[in-house]
Amino acid sequence: MLLSGGIDSATALYLTKRKGEVRALTFEYSGIARSELAAAEAIASRAGVLEHRIVRLPDLRETGDIPMFRPQGLPPTYIPLRNGIFYSFAASYAEETGAASIVGGHNRDDSSVFADVSPEFFVSLQRAFRSGSRILRRNTLQITRPLKNLSKPAVIRLAASMKVPLELTWSCHRNSEKHCWECDGCLSRVRCFEEAGIADPLRRKREKIT
């Protein structure tokens, strides 16, 4: 399970747990908020995963931190070919542990922004992993995206119904101890919870909004 500290991957993790044992993989790259890593660790611990491995990629940066690289139509949090990189590490982990599937928590809205979450991308990537590894070919490795047909508000409703610990998740783009409630990530979280008709336990219980 590719696990960030966010709502989508936490929800995908709890869905995947229903089918069997899960190992989690989290990436620590340049500029990632320490609170997001802490959120991923807390979610993995609460879910009782078999192993939570953190891969450190200090030279991997978001476009907002790369001088002279400002692709049009993409947010400053975009990482060039992020999923190609992350899923390659996940395939290596799957070969090492004998896992038969890699699970990503991408929702329906992601594909409208990022090309590396398209169905074509994952079909090609799955084929490449199988062809490049006898073990993964024998295991008929599957890349699965259980939230791919759900909007973010729908993901939140599903998470609430499964008792996913949403109060542990992290959405802020700033490197701070608490959500700023001003950045795009925080504002999107507020909007999606409102559209879902669900009270955000993070705002209600952990932080006072002023």
N, C-alpha and C. Protein backbone atom coordinates (compact mmCIF):
# COMPACT_ATOMS: atom_id res chain seq x y z
N MET A 1 0.84 -1.18 0.00
CA MET A 1 0.00 0.00 0.00
C MET A 1 0.88 1.23 0.00
N LEU A 2 0.69 2.10 -1.03
CA LEU A 2 1.39 3.38 -1.06
C LEU A 2 0.65 4.32 -0.11
N LEU A 3 1.31 4.64 0.99
CA LEU A 3 0.63 5.37 2.06
C LEU A 3 1.28 6.73 2.29
N SER A 4 0.52 7.79 2.02
CA SER A 4 0.92 9.12 2.44
C SER A 4 0.20 9.37 3.76
N GLY A 5 0.19 10.60 4.22
CA GLY A 5 -0.58 10.90 5.42
C GLY A 5 -1.97 11.42 5.12
N GLY A 6 -2.40 11.31 3.84
CA GLY A 6 -3.65 11.92 3.41
C GLY A 6 -4.88 11.05 3.54
N ILE A 7 -6.01 11.66 3.23
CA ILE A 7 -7.31 11.00 3.36
C ILE A 7 -7.46 9.83 2.38
N ASP A 8 -7.05 10.04 1.13
CA ASP A 8 -7.25 9.02 0.11
C ASP A 8 -6.51 7.73 0.44
N SER A 9 -5.22 7.85 0.75
CA SER A 9 -4.44 6.64 0.98
C SER A 9 -4.88 5.95 2.28
N ALA A 10 -5.29 6.73 3.28
CA ALA A 10 -5.79 6.12 4.51
C ALA A 10 -7.06 5.32 4.23
N THR A 11 -7.93 5.88 3.41
CA THR A 11 -9.17 5.18 3.06
C THR A 11 -8.88 3.92 2.25
N ALA A 12 -7.97 4.03 1.28
CA ALA A 12 -7.59 2.85 0.49
C ALA A 12 -6.97 1.78 1.36
N LEU A 13 -6.20 2.19 2.35
CA LEU A 13 -5.59 1.23 3.27
C LEU A 13 -6.65 0.45 4.03
N TYR A 14 -7.64 1.14 4.57
CA TYR A 14 -8.68 0.46 5.33
C TYR A 14 -9.54 -0.45 4.44
N LEU A 15 -9.73 -0.05 3.18
CA LEU A 15 -10.43 -0.93 2.24
C LEU A 15 -9.62 -2.19 1.96
N THR A 16 -8.32 -2.01 1.77
CA THR A 16 -7.45 -3.14 1.45
C THR A 16 -7.31 -4.09 2.61
N LYS A 17 -7.33 -3.56 3.83
CA LYS A 17 -7.24 -4.41 5.02
C LYS A 17 -8.36 -5.44 5.08
N ARG A 18 -9.48 -5.12 4.48
CA ARG A 18 -10.62 -6.05 4.52
C ARG A 18 -10.33 -7.33 3.74
N LYS A 19 -9.34 -7.26 2.84
CA LYS A 19 -9.05 -8.39 1.96
C LYS A 19 -7.86 -9.22 2.44
N GLY A 20 -7.10 -8.70 3.41
CA GLY A 20 -5.95 -9.47 3.87
C GLY A 20 -4.89 -8.59 4.50
N GLU A 21 -3.73 -9.16 4.69
CA GLU A 21 -2.63 -8.46 5.34
C GLU A 21 -2.03 -7.40 4.41
N VAL A 22 -1.55 -6.32 5.00
CA VAL A 22 -1.06 -5.18 4.22
C VAL A 22 0.28 -4.72 4.76
N ARG A 23 1.17 -4.40 3.84
CA ARG A 23 2.40 -3.67 4.16
C ARG A 23 2.27 -2.28 3.56
N ALA A 24 2.85 -1.29 4.24
CA ALA A 24 2.73 0.09 3.79
C ALA A 24 4.09 0.67 3.42
N LEU A 25 4.07 1.53 2.39
CA LEU A 25 5.28 2.16 1.90
C LEU A 25 5.05 3.67 1.82
N THR A 26 5.91 4.44 2.48
CA THR A 26 5.80 5.90 2.50
C THR A 26 7.10 6.51 2.02
N PHE A 27 7.00 7.64 1.31
CA PHE A 27 8.18 8.28 0.75
C PHE A 27 8.47 9.60 1.45
N GLU A 28 9.72 9.75 1.85
CA GLU A 28 10.18 11.00 2.45
C GLU A 28 11.06 11.71 1.42
N TYR A 29 10.52 12.75 0.80
CA TYR A 29 11.25 13.48 -0.22
C TYR A 29 11.54 14.90 0.26
N SER A 30 12.31 15.63 -0.52
CA SER A 30 12.72 16.97 -0.12
C SER A 30 11.50 17.87 0.07
N GLY A 31 11.41 18.53 1.23
CA GLY A 31 10.34 19.49 1.47
C GLY A 31 9.06 18.91 2.01
N ILE A 32 8.96 17.60 2.14
CA ILE A 32 7.72 17.03 2.66
C ILE A 32 7.52 17.48 4.11
N ALA A 33 6.30 17.77 4.46
CA ALA A 33 6.01 18.21 5.83
C ALA A 33 6.25 17.06 6.80
N ARG A 34 6.96 17.36 7.87
CA ARG A 34 7.21 16.34 8.88
C ARG A 34 5.89 15.81 9.45
N SER A 35 4.90 16.68 9.50
CA SER A 35 3.60 16.27 10.04
C SER A 35 2.91 15.25 9.12
N GLU A 36 3.20 15.31 7.81
CA GLU A 36 2.62 14.32 6.90
C GLU A 36 3.23 12.95 7.16
N LEU A 37 4.54 12.91 7.38
CA LEU A 37 5.19 11.64 7.70
C LEU A 37 4.67 11.10 9.03
N ALA A 38 4.51 11.99 10.00
CA ALA A 38 3.98 11.55 11.30
C ALA A 38 2.56 11.01 11.14
N ALA A 39 1.77 11.64 10.26
CA ALA A 39 0.41 11.17 10.00
C ALA A 39 0.42 9.77 9.39
N ALA A 40 1.31 9.55 8.43
CA ALA A 40 1.41 8.23 7.80
C ALA A 40 1.79 7.17 8.83
N GLU A 41 2.72 7.49 9.70
CA GLU A 41 3.13 6.55 10.74
C GLU A 41 1.98 6.25 11.70
N ALA A 42 1.23 7.29 12.06
CA ALA A 42 0.10 7.09 12.98
C ALA A 42 -1.00 6.25 12.35
N ILE A 43 -1.28 6.50 11.07
CA ILE A 43 -2.32 5.74 10.37
C ILE A 43 -1.91 4.29 10.22
N ALA A 44 -0.65 4.05 9.85
CA ALA A 44 -0.16 2.68 9.71
C ALA A 44 -0.22 1.92 11.03
N SER A 45 0.15 2.61 12.11
CA SER A 45 0.10 1.99 13.43
C SER A 45 -1.33 1.67 13.83
N ARG A 46 -2.24 2.60 13.62
CA ARG A 46 -3.65 2.38 13.97
C ARG A 46 -4.24 1.23 13.16
N ALA A 47 -3.84 1.13 11.90
CA ALA A 47 -4.39 0.09 11.03
C ALA A 47 -3.77 -1.28 11.31
N GLY A 48 -2.62 -1.30 11.98
CA GLY A 48 -1.99 -2.58 12.29
C GLY A 48 -1.37 -3.26 11.09
N VAL A 49 -0.66 -2.50 10.23
CA VAL A 49 -0.03 -3.09 9.06
C VAL A 49 1.11 -4.01 9.48
N LEU A 50 1.46 -4.96 8.61
CA LEU A 50 2.55 -5.89 8.91
C LEU A 50 3.89 -5.16 9.03
N GLU A 51 4.11 -4.20 8.16
CA GLU A 51 5.35 -3.44 8.15
C GLU A 51 5.07 -2.07 7.53
N HIS A 52 5.69 -1.06 8.07
CA HIS A 52 5.61 0.27 7.47
C HIS A 52 7.03 0.71 7.16
N ARG A 53 7.33 0.76 5.89
CA ARG A 53 8.69 1.12 5.46
C ARG A 53 8.68 2.53 4.88
N ILE A 54 9.66 3.32 5.28
CA ILE A 54 9.81 4.68 4.76
C ILE A 54 11.03 4.73 3.86
N VAL A 55 10.82 5.13 2.61
CA VAL A 55 11.90 5.26 1.63
C VAL A 55 12.31 6.72 1.56
N ARG A 56 13.57 7.00 1.76
CA ARG A 56 14.06 8.38 1.79
C ARG A 56 14.67 8.76 0.45
N LEU A 57 14.12 9.81 -0.15
CA LEU A 57 14.56 10.30 -1.45
C LEU A 57 14.87 11.80 -1.33
N PRO A 58 15.98 12.16 -0.71
CA PRO A 58 16.26 13.57 -0.41
C PRO A 58 16.45 14.46 -1.63
N ASP A 59 16.75 13.88 -2.78
CA ASP A 59 16.96 14.69 -3.98
C ASP A 59 15.71 14.85 -4.82
N LEU A 60 14.62 14.21 -4.41
CA LEU A 60 13.36 14.32 -5.15
C LEU A 60 12.60 15.54 -4.64
N ARG A 61 12.28 16.46 -5.57
CA ARG A 61 11.69 17.73 -5.15
C ARG A 61 10.40 18.02 -5.91
N GLU A 62 9.55 18.82 -5.28
CA GLU A 62 8.36 19.33 -5.93
C GLU A 62 8.74 20.47 -6.86
N THR A 63 7.90 20.73 -7.88
CA THR A 63 8.26 21.76 -8.85
C THR A 63 8.38 23.14 -8.22
N GLY A 64 7.67 23.38 -7.14
CA GLY A 64 7.78 24.66 -6.45
C GLY A 64 9.15 24.90 -5.87
N ASP A 65 9.92 23.82 -5.71
CA ASP A 65 11.27 23.93 -5.15
C ASP A 65 12.35 23.75 -6.21
N ILE A 66 11.95 23.68 -7.48
CA ILE A 66 12.92 23.49 -8.56
C ILE A 66 13.06 24.79 -9.34
N PRO A 67 14.18 25.47 -9.28
CA PRO A 67 14.34 26.74 -10.00
C PRO A 67 14.17 26.56 -11.51
N MET A 68 13.50 27.49 -12.14
CA MET A 68 13.36 27.55 -13.60
C MET A 68 12.49 26.44 -14.16
N PHE A 69 11.76 25.72 -13.31
CA PHE A 69 10.88 24.66 -13.82
C PHE A 69 9.47 24.93 -13.32
N ARG A 70 8.66 25.52 -14.15
CA ARG A 70 7.30 25.88 -13.79
C ARG A 70 6.34 25.42 -14.88
N PRO A 71 6.03 24.14 -14.96
CA PRO A 71 5.12 23.64 -16.00
C PRO A 71 3.74 24.24 -15.85
N GLN A 72 3.15 24.63 -16.97
CA GLN A 72 1.82 25.24 -16.94
C GLN A 72 0.75 24.21 -16.59
N GLY A 73 -0.22 24.65 -15.81
CA GLY A 73 -1.36 23.81 -15.49
C GLY A 73 -1.13 22.81 -14.38
N LEU A 74 0.05 22.84 -13.75
CA LEU A 74 0.34 21.91 -12.68
C LEU A 74 0.64 22.67 -11.39
N PRO A 75 0.21 22.15 -10.26
CA PRO A 75 0.43 22.84 -8.99
C PRO A 75 1.89 22.77 -8.57
N PRO A 76 2.34 23.67 -7.68
CA PRO A 76 3.73 23.65 -7.23
C PRO A 76 4.10 22.40 -6.44
N THR A 77 3.09 21.62 -6.03
CA THR A 77 3.36 20.38 -5.30
C THR A 77 3.62 19.19 -6.24
N TYR A 78 3.52 19.43 -7.55
CA TYR A 78 3.74 18.36 -8.52
C TYR A 78 5.19 17.90 -8.49
N ILE A 79 5.41 16.59 -8.53
CA ILE A 79 6.74 16.00 -8.64
C ILE A 79 6.84 15.34 -10.01
N PRO A 80 7.83 15.71 -10.83
CA PRO A 80 7.94 15.12 -12.16
C PRO A 80 7.96 13.60 -12.13
N LEU A 81 7.03 12.99 -12.84
CA LEU A 81 6.88 11.54 -12.93
C LEU A 81 6.85 10.86 -11.56
N ARG A 82 6.19 11.49 -10.66
CA ARG A 82 6.10 11.01 -9.28
C ARG A 82 5.68 9.55 -9.19
N ASN A 83 4.58 9.20 -9.88
CA ASN A 83 4.07 7.84 -9.73
C ASN A 83 4.95 6.80 -10.42
N GLY A 84 5.64 7.19 -11.47
CA GLY A 84 6.60 6.27 -12.07
C GLY A 84 7.68 5.90 -11.08
N ILE A 85 8.12 6.88 -10.31
CA ILE A 85 9.16 6.66 -9.30
C ILE A 85 8.61 5.85 -8.12
N PHE A 86 7.50 6.30 -7.57
CA PHE A 86 6.95 5.66 -6.37
C PHE A 86 6.54 4.22 -6.64
N TYR A 87 5.88 4.00 -7.76
CA TYR A 87 5.43 2.64 -8.04
C TYR A 87 6.57 1.69 -8.39
N SER A 88 7.67 2.23 -8.91
CA SER A 88 8.84 1.38 -9.15
C SER A 88 9.42 0.88 -7.83
N PHE A 89 9.49 1.76 -6.84
CA PHE A 89 9.92 1.31 -5.52
C PHE A 89 8.94 0.29 -4.95
N ALA A 90 7.65 0.54 -5.16
CA ALA A 90 6.63 -0.38 -4.65
C ALA A 90 6.75 -1.75 -5.31
N ALA A 91 7.08 -1.79 -6.60
CA ALA A 91 7.25 -3.06 -7.30
C ALA A 91 8.44 -3.83 -6.74
N SER A 92 9.51 -3.10 -6.43
CA SER A 92 10.67 -3.74 -5.81
C SER A 92 10.30 -4.32 -4.46
N TYR A 93 9.54 -3.57 -3.69
CA TYR A 93 9.07 -4.03 -2.38
C TYR A 93 8.16 -5.24 -2.53
N ALA A 94 7.31 -5.22 -3.56
CA ALA A 94 6.41 -6.35 -3.81
C ALA A 94 7.19 -7.61 -4.16
N GLU A 95 8.25 -7.44 -4.96
CA GLU A 95 9.06 -8.61 -5.32
C GLU A 95 9.76 -9.15 -4.08
N GLU A 96 10.27 -8.27 -3.25
CA GLU A 96 10.98 -8.67 -2.03
C GLU A 96 10.08 -9.43 -1.07
N THR A 97 8.85 -8.98 -0.93
CA THR A 97 7.95 -9.55 0.08
C THR A 97 6.98 -10.59 -0.47
N GLY A 98 6.96 -10.76 -1.78
CA GLY A 98 6.04 -11.72 -2.37
C GLY A 98 4.62 -11.22 -2.50
N ALA A 99 4.44 -9.91 -2.43
CA ALA A 99 3.09 -9.35 -2.56
C ALA A 99 2.57 -9.50 -3.98
N ALA A 100 1.27 -9.70 -4.10
CA ALA A 100 0.66 -9.90 -5.41
C ALA A 100 -0.01 -8.65 -5.95
N SER A 101 -0.04 -7.58 -5.16
CA SER A 101 -0.69 -6.37 -5.63
C SER A 101 -0.03 -5.13 -5.01
N ILE A 102 -0.14 -4.03 -5.74
CA ILE A 102 0.27 -2.71 -5.27
C ILE A 102 -0.99 -1.86 -5.28
N VAL A 103 -1.25 -1.19 -4.18
CA VAL A 103 -2.49 -0.42 -4.04
C VAL A 103 -2.16 1.06 -3.91
N GLY A 104 -2.84 1.87 -4.73
CA GLY A 104 -2.69 3.32 -4.66
C GLY A 104 -4.02 3.99 -4.37
N GLY A 105 -4.00 5.08 -3.63
CA GLY A 105 -5.23 5.75 -3.22
C GLY A 105 -5.61 6.93 -4.08
N HIS A 106 -5.56 6.78 -5.40
CA HIS A 106 -5.90 7.89 -6.30
C HIS A 106 -7.41 7.97 -6.49
N ASN A 107 -7.96 9.16 -6.33
CA ASN A 107 -9.39 9.31 -6.56
C ASN A 107 -9.68 9.78 -7.99
N ARG A 108 -10.94 9.87 -8.33
CA ARG A 108 -11.36 10.20 -9.70
C ARG A 108 -10.87 11.58 -10.13
N ASP A 109 -10.80 12.51 -9.20
CA ASP A 109 -10.43 13.88 -9.54
C ASP A 109 -8.96 14.04 -9.91
N ASP A 110 -8.11 13.12 -9.44
CA ASP A 110 -6.67 13.24 -9.69
C ASP A 110 -6.33 13.19 -11.18
N SER A 111 -7.05 12.38 -11.93
CA SER A 111 -6.72 12.18 -13.34
C SER A 111 -6.95 13.43 -14.19
N SER A 112 -7.73 14.37 -13.67
CA SER A 112 -7.96 15.59 -14.43
C SER A 112 -6.78 16.54 -14.35
N VAL A 113 -5.85 16.27 -13.42
CA VAL A 113 -4.69 17.13 -13.24
C VAL A 113 -3.39 16.43 -13.62
N PHE A 114 -3.26 15.17 -13.23
CA PHE A 114 -1.99 14.46 -13.38
C PHE A 114 -2.10 13.36 -14.43
N ALA A 115 -1.16 13.36 -15.38
CA ALA A 115 -1.17 12.35 -16.43
C ALA A 115 -0.74 10.98 -15.92
N ASP A 116 0.02 10.96 -14.83
CA ASP A 116 0.53 9.67 -14.34
C ASP A 116 -0.42 8.98 -13.35
N VAL A 117 -1.71 9.27 -13.49
CA VAL A 117 -2.72 8.49 -12.79
C VAL A 117 -3.78 7.99 -13.77
N SER A 118 -3.49 8.05 -15.04
CA SER A 118 -4.44 7.61 -16.05
C SER A 118 -4.48 6.08 -16.12
N PRO A 119 -5.59 5.50 -16.56
CA PRO A 119 -5.65 4.04 -16.72
C PRO A 119 -4.56 3.53 -17.66
N GLU A 120 -4.29 4.27 -18.72
CA GLU A 120 -3.27 3.84 -19.68
C GLU A 120 -1.89 3.76 -19.02
N PHE A 121 -1.61 4.72 -18.16
CA PHE A 121 -0.32 4.73 -17.47
C PHE A 121 -0.15 3.48 -16.62
N PHE A 122 -1.18 3.14 -15.86
CA PHE A 122 -1.05 2.00 -14.94
C PHE A 122 -1.08 0.67 -15.67
N VAL A 123 -1.80 0.57 -16.76
CA VAL A 123 -1.77 -0.65 -17.56
C VAL A 123 -0.37 -0.89 -18.10
N SER A 124 0.25 0.16 -18.62
CA SER A 124 1.60 0.04 -19.15
C SER A 124 2.61 -0.26 -18.05
N LEU A 125 2.43 0.38 -16.90
CA LEU A 125 3.36 0.17 -15.79
C LEU A 125 3.26 -1.25 -15.26
N GLN A 126 2.07 -1.75 -15.12
CA GLN A 126 1.88 -3.12 -14.66
C GLN A 126 2.52 -4.11 -15.62
N ARG A 127 2.35 -3.88 -16.91
CA ARG A 127 2.96 -4.75 -17.92
C ARG A 127 4.48 -4.71 -17.82
N ALA A 128 5.03 -3.52 -17.62
CA ALA A 128 6.48 -3.37 -17.51
C ALA A 128 7.01 -4.11 -16.29
N PHE A 129 6.33 -4.00 -15.16
CA PHE A 129 6.79 -4.67 -13.94
C PHE A 129 6.76 -6.18 -14.11
N ARG A 130 5.70 -6.70 -14.71
CA ARG A 130 5.62 -8.14 -14.91
C ARG A 130 6.71 -8.63 -15.86
N SER A 131 6.96 -7.87 -16.91
CA SER A 131 7.95 -8.30 -17.89
C SER A 131 9.38 -8.18 -17.34
N GLY A 132 9.57 -7.31 -16.35
CA GLY A 132 10.91 -7.10 -15.82
C GLY A 132 11.25 -7.94 -14.61
N SER A 133 10.32 -8.78 -14.15
CA SER A 133 10.55 -9.59 -12.96
C SER A 133 9.87 -10.94 -13.09
N ARG A 134 10.65 -12.00 -12.99
CA ARG A 134 10.06 -13.33 -13.04
C ARG A 134 9.12 -13.57 -11.87
N ILE A 135 9.48 -13.00 -10.71
CA ILE A 135 8.66 -13.19 -9.51
C ILE A 135 7.31 -12.49 -9.67
N LEU A 136 7.35 -11.24 -10.14
CA LEU A 136 6.11 -10.49 -10.29
C LEU A 136 5.26 -11.06 -11.42
N ARG A 137 5.90 -11.60 -12.44
CA ARG A 137 5.13 -12.22 -13.52
C ARG A 137 4.45 -13.49 -13.00
N ARG A 138 5.17 -14.25 -12.17
CA ARG A 138 4.60 -15.47 -11.61
C ARG A 138 3.46 -15.14 -10.65
N ASN A 139 3.60 -14.04 -9.92
CA ASN A 139 2.54 -13.61 -9.00
C ASN A 139 1.40 -12.88 -9.70
N THR A 140 1.57 -12.66 -11.01
CA THR A 140 0.62 -11.85 -11.80
C THR A 140 0.29 -10.56 -11.06
N LEU A 141 1.34 -9.80 -10.78
CA LEU A 141 1.21 -8.56 -10.02
C LEU A 141 0.09 -7.67 -10.57
N GLN A 142 -0.74 -7.14 -9.68
CA GLN A 142 -1.81 -6.24 -10.04
C GLN A 142 -1.59 -4.88 -9.39
N ILE A 143 -1.79 -3.82 -10.16
CA ILE A 143 -1.84 -2.47 -9.59
C ILE A 143 -3.30 -2.12 -9.46
N THR A 144 -3.74 -1.86 -8.24
CA THR A 144 -5.16 -1.59 -8.01
C THR A 144 -5.34 -0.19 -7.44
N ARG A 145 -6.45 0.44 -7.82
CA ARG A 145 -6.80 1.79 -7.36
C ARG A 145 -8.27 1.78 -6.95
N PRO A 146 -8.54 1.37 -5.72
CA PRO A 146 -9.94 1.16 -5.31
C PRO A 146 -10.79 2.42 -5.27
N LEU A 147 -10.17 3.59 -5.31
CA LEU A 147 -10.94 4.84 -5.23
C LEU A 147 -11.04 5.54 -6.58
N LYS A 148 -10.63 4.91 -7.64
CA LYS A 148 -10.48 5.58 -8.93
C LYS A 148 -11.79 6.13 -9.49
N ASN A 149 -12.92 5.60 -9.07
CA ASN A 149 -14.21 6.08 -9.59
C ASN A 149 -14.94 7.01 -8.62
N LEU A 150 -14.27 7.39 -7.53
CA LEU A 150 -14.90 8.21 -6.50
C LEU A 150 -14.34 9.62 -6.47
N SER A 151 -15.21 10.60 -6.31
CA SER A 151 -14.76 11.97 -6.08
C SER A 151 -14.22 12.07 -4.66
N LYS A 152 -13.53 13.16 -4.36
CA LYS A 152 -12.98 13.32 -3.01
C LYS A 152 -14.09 13.36 -1.94
N PRO A 153 -15.18 14.10 -2.16
CA PRO A 153 -16.26 14.03 -1.16
C PRO A 153 -16.81 12.62 -0.96
N ALA A 154 -16.88 11.85 -2.04
CA ALA A 154 -17.36 10.47 -1.92
C ALA A 154 -16.37 9.62 -1.14
N VAL A 155 -15.08 9.89 -1.31
CA VAL A 155 -14.06 9.18 -0.54
C VAL A 155 -14.24 9.48 0.94
N ILE A 156 -14.50 10.73 1.27
CA ILE A 156 -14.69 11.12 2.67
C ILE A 156 -15.90 10.42 3.27
N ARG A 157 -16.98 10.33 2.52
CA ARG A 157 -18.17 9.63 3.02
C ARG A 157 -17.86 8.16 3.25
N LEU A 158 -17.12 7.54 2.32
CA LEU A 158 -16.73 6.14 2.48
C LEU A 158 -15.85 5.97 3.71
N ALA A 159 -14.88 6.87 3.87
CA ALA A 159 -13.98 6.79 5.02
C ALA A 159 -14.74 6.88 6.33
N ALA A 160 -15.69 7.79 6.40
CA ALA A 160 -16.48 7.95 7.62
C ALA A 160 -17.28 6.68 7.91
N SER A 161 -17.80 6.04 6.87
CA SER A 161 -18.61 4.83 7.06
C SER A 161 -17.76 3.66 7.56
N MET A 162 -16.46 3.68 7.24
CA MET A 162 -15.56 2.60 7.66
C MET A 162 -14.80 2.93 8.93
N LYS A 163 -15.08 4.08 9.52
CA LYS A 163 -14.39 4.51 10.74
C LYS A 163 -12.90 4.70 10.52
N VAL A 164 -12.53 5.19 9.34
CA VAL A 164 -11.13 5.55 9.10
C VAL A 164 -10.78 6.71 10.03
N PRO A 165 -9.63 6.69 10.70
CA PRO A 165 -9.28 7.76 11.64
C PRO A 165 -8.90 9.05 10.91
N LEU A 166 -9.90 9.74 10.41
CA LEU A 166 -9.66 10.96 9.63
C LEU A 166 -8.97 12.04 10.45
N GLU A 167 -9.10 11.97 11.77
CA GLU A 167 -8.45 12.96 12.62
C GLU A 167 -6.93 12.81 12.61
N LEU A 168 -6.42 11.69 12.09
CA LEU A 168 -4.98 11.48 12.01
C LEU A 168 -4.40 11.93 10.67
N THR A 169 -5.26 12.22 9.70
CA THR A 169 -4.77 12.52 8.35
C THR A 169 -4.23 13.94 8.24
N TRP A 170 -3.43 14.15 7.20
CA TRP A 170 -2.76 15.43 6.98
C TRP A 170 -3.05 15.91 5.57
N SER A 171 -3.45 17.20 5.43
CA SER A 171 -3.77 17.76 4.12
C SER A 171 -3.01 19.04 3.80
N CYS A 172 -2.36 19.64 4.77
CA CYS A 172 -1.73 20.95 4.61
C CYS A 172 -0.46 20.86 3.75
N HIS A 173 -0.24 21.88 2.92
CA HIS A 173 0.95 21.93 2.07
C HIS A 173 2.13 22.61 2.76
N ARG A 174 1.89 23.15 3.95
CA ARG A 174 2.96 23.86 4.65
C ARG A 174 3.61 22.95 5.69
N ASN A 175 4.88 23.20 5.94
CA ASN A 175 5.63 22.39 6.89
C ASN A 175 5.45 22.97 8.29
N SER A 176 4.39 22.57 8.95
CA SER A 176 4.08 23.09 10.26
C SER A 176 3.49 21.97 11.11
N GLU A 177 3.29 22.26 12.38
CA GLU A 177 2.76 21.25 13.29
C GLU A 177 1.24 21.13 13.20
N LYS A 178 0.59 22.21 12.77
CA LYS A 178 -0.86 22.21 12.63
C LYS A 178 -1.25 22.70 11.25
N HIS A 179 -2.42 22.32 10.81
CA HIS A 179 -2.92 22.80 9.53
C HIS A 179 -3.07 24.33 9.57
N CYS A 180 -2.67 24.97 8.47
CA CYS A 180 -2.75 26.44 8.41
C CYS A 180 -4.15 26.92 8.08
N TRP A 181 -4.94 26.09 7.38
CA TRP A 181 -6.29 26.39 6.92
C TRP A 181 -6.33 27.56 5.94
N GLU A 182 -5.20 27.78 5.27
CA GLU A 182 -5.12 28.85 4.28
C GLU A 182 -4.59 28.37 2.93
N CYS A 183 -3.78 27.32 2.91
CA CYS A 183 -3.19 26.84 1.66
C CYS A 183 -4.22 26.07 0.84
N ASP A 184 -3.85 25.72 -0.40
CA ASP A 184 -4.78 25.01 -1.29
C ASP A 184 -5.20 23.66 -0.71
N GLY A 185 -4.26 22.98 -0.07
CA GLY A 185 -4.59 21.68 0.50
C GLY A 185 -5.62 21.78 1.61
N CYS A 186 -5.43 22.75 2.49
CA CYS A 186 -6.38 22.95 3.59
C CYS A 186 -7.74 23.40 3.09
N LEU A 187 -7.75 24.35 2.15
CA LEU A 187 -9.02 24.85 1.63
C LEU A 187 -9.78 23.76 0.88
N SER A 188 -9.04 22.90 0.17
CA SER A 188 -9.68 21.78 -0.52
C SER A 188 -10.29 20.81 0.49
N ARG A 189 -9.59 20.58 1.58
CA ARG A 189 -10.10 19.69 2.62
C ARG A 189 -11.41 20.23 3.19
N VAL A 190 -11.43 21.52 3.51
CA VAL A 190 -12.63 22.14 4.06
C VAL A 190 -13.79 22.00 3.08
N ARG A 191 -13.53 22.31 1.81
CA ARG A 191 -14.59 22.27 0.79
C ARG A 191 -15.13 20.85 0.61
N CYS A 192 -14.23 19.86 0.56
CA CYS A 192 -14.67 18.49 0.30
C CYS A 192 -15.45 17.90 1.47
N PHE A 193 -15.05 18.24 2.70
CA PHE A 193 -15.83 17.79 3.85
C PHE A 193 -17.22 18.41 3.84
N GLU A 194 -17.29 19.69 3.47
CA GLU A 194 -18.60 20.36 3.40
C GLU A 194 -19.46 19.72 2.33
N GLU A 195 -18.88 19.42 1.16
CA GLU A 195 -19.64 18.78 0.08
C GLU A 195 -20.07 17.37 0.46
N ALA A 196 -19.25 16.71 1.27
CA ALA A 196 -19.58 15.35 1.70
C ALA A 196 -20.66 15.35 2.78
N GLY A 197 -20.86 16.51 3.42
CA GLY A 197 -21.82 16.58 4.50
C GLY A 197 -21.33 15.90 5.76
N ILE A 198 -19.99 15.88 5.94
CA ILE A 198 -19.38 15.22 7.08
C ILE A 198 -18.60 16.26 7.89
N ALA A 199 -18.71 16.21 9.20
CA ALA A 199 -17.92 17.10 10.05
C ALA A 199 -16.49 16.59 10.12
N ASP A 200 -15.54 17.46 9.86
CA ASP A 200 -14.13 17.07 9.89
C ASP A 200 -13.68 16.92 11.34
N PRO A 201 -13.35 15.71 11.78
CA PRO A 201 -12.95 15.52 13.18
C PRO A 201 -11.64 16.24 13.52
N LEU A 202 -10.84 16.51 12.53
CA LEU A 202 -9.59 17.24 12.77
C LEU A 202 -9.87 18.66 13.21
N ARG A 203 -10.82 19.30 12.57
CA ARG A 203 -11.16 20.68 12.92
C ARG A 203 -11.97 20.73 14.21
N ARG A 204 -12.83 19.75 14.39
CA ARG A 204 -13.73 19.77 15.54
C ARG A 204 -13.00 19.44 16.85
N LYS A 205 -12.03 18.49 16.77
CA LYS A 205 -11.44 17.98 18.00
C LYS A 205 -10.00 18.41 18.26
N ARG A 206 -9.25 18.63 17.18
CA ARG A 206 -7.82 18.82 17.39
C ARG A 206 -7.36 20.25 17.25
N GLU A 207 -8.10 21.06 16.48
CA GLU A 207 -7.63 22.41 16.22
C GLU A 207 -8.75 23.41 16.37
N LYS A 208 -8.45 24.55 16.89
CA LYS A 208 -9.41 25.64 17.03
C LYS A 208 -9.24 26.59 15.87
N ILE A 209 -10.30 26.79 15.09
CA ILE A 209 -10.24 27.68 13.93
C ILE A 209 -10.56 29.10 14.38
N THR A 210 -9.69 30.02 14.05
CA THR A 210 -9.90 31.41 14.44
C THR A 210 -10.11 32.27 13.22
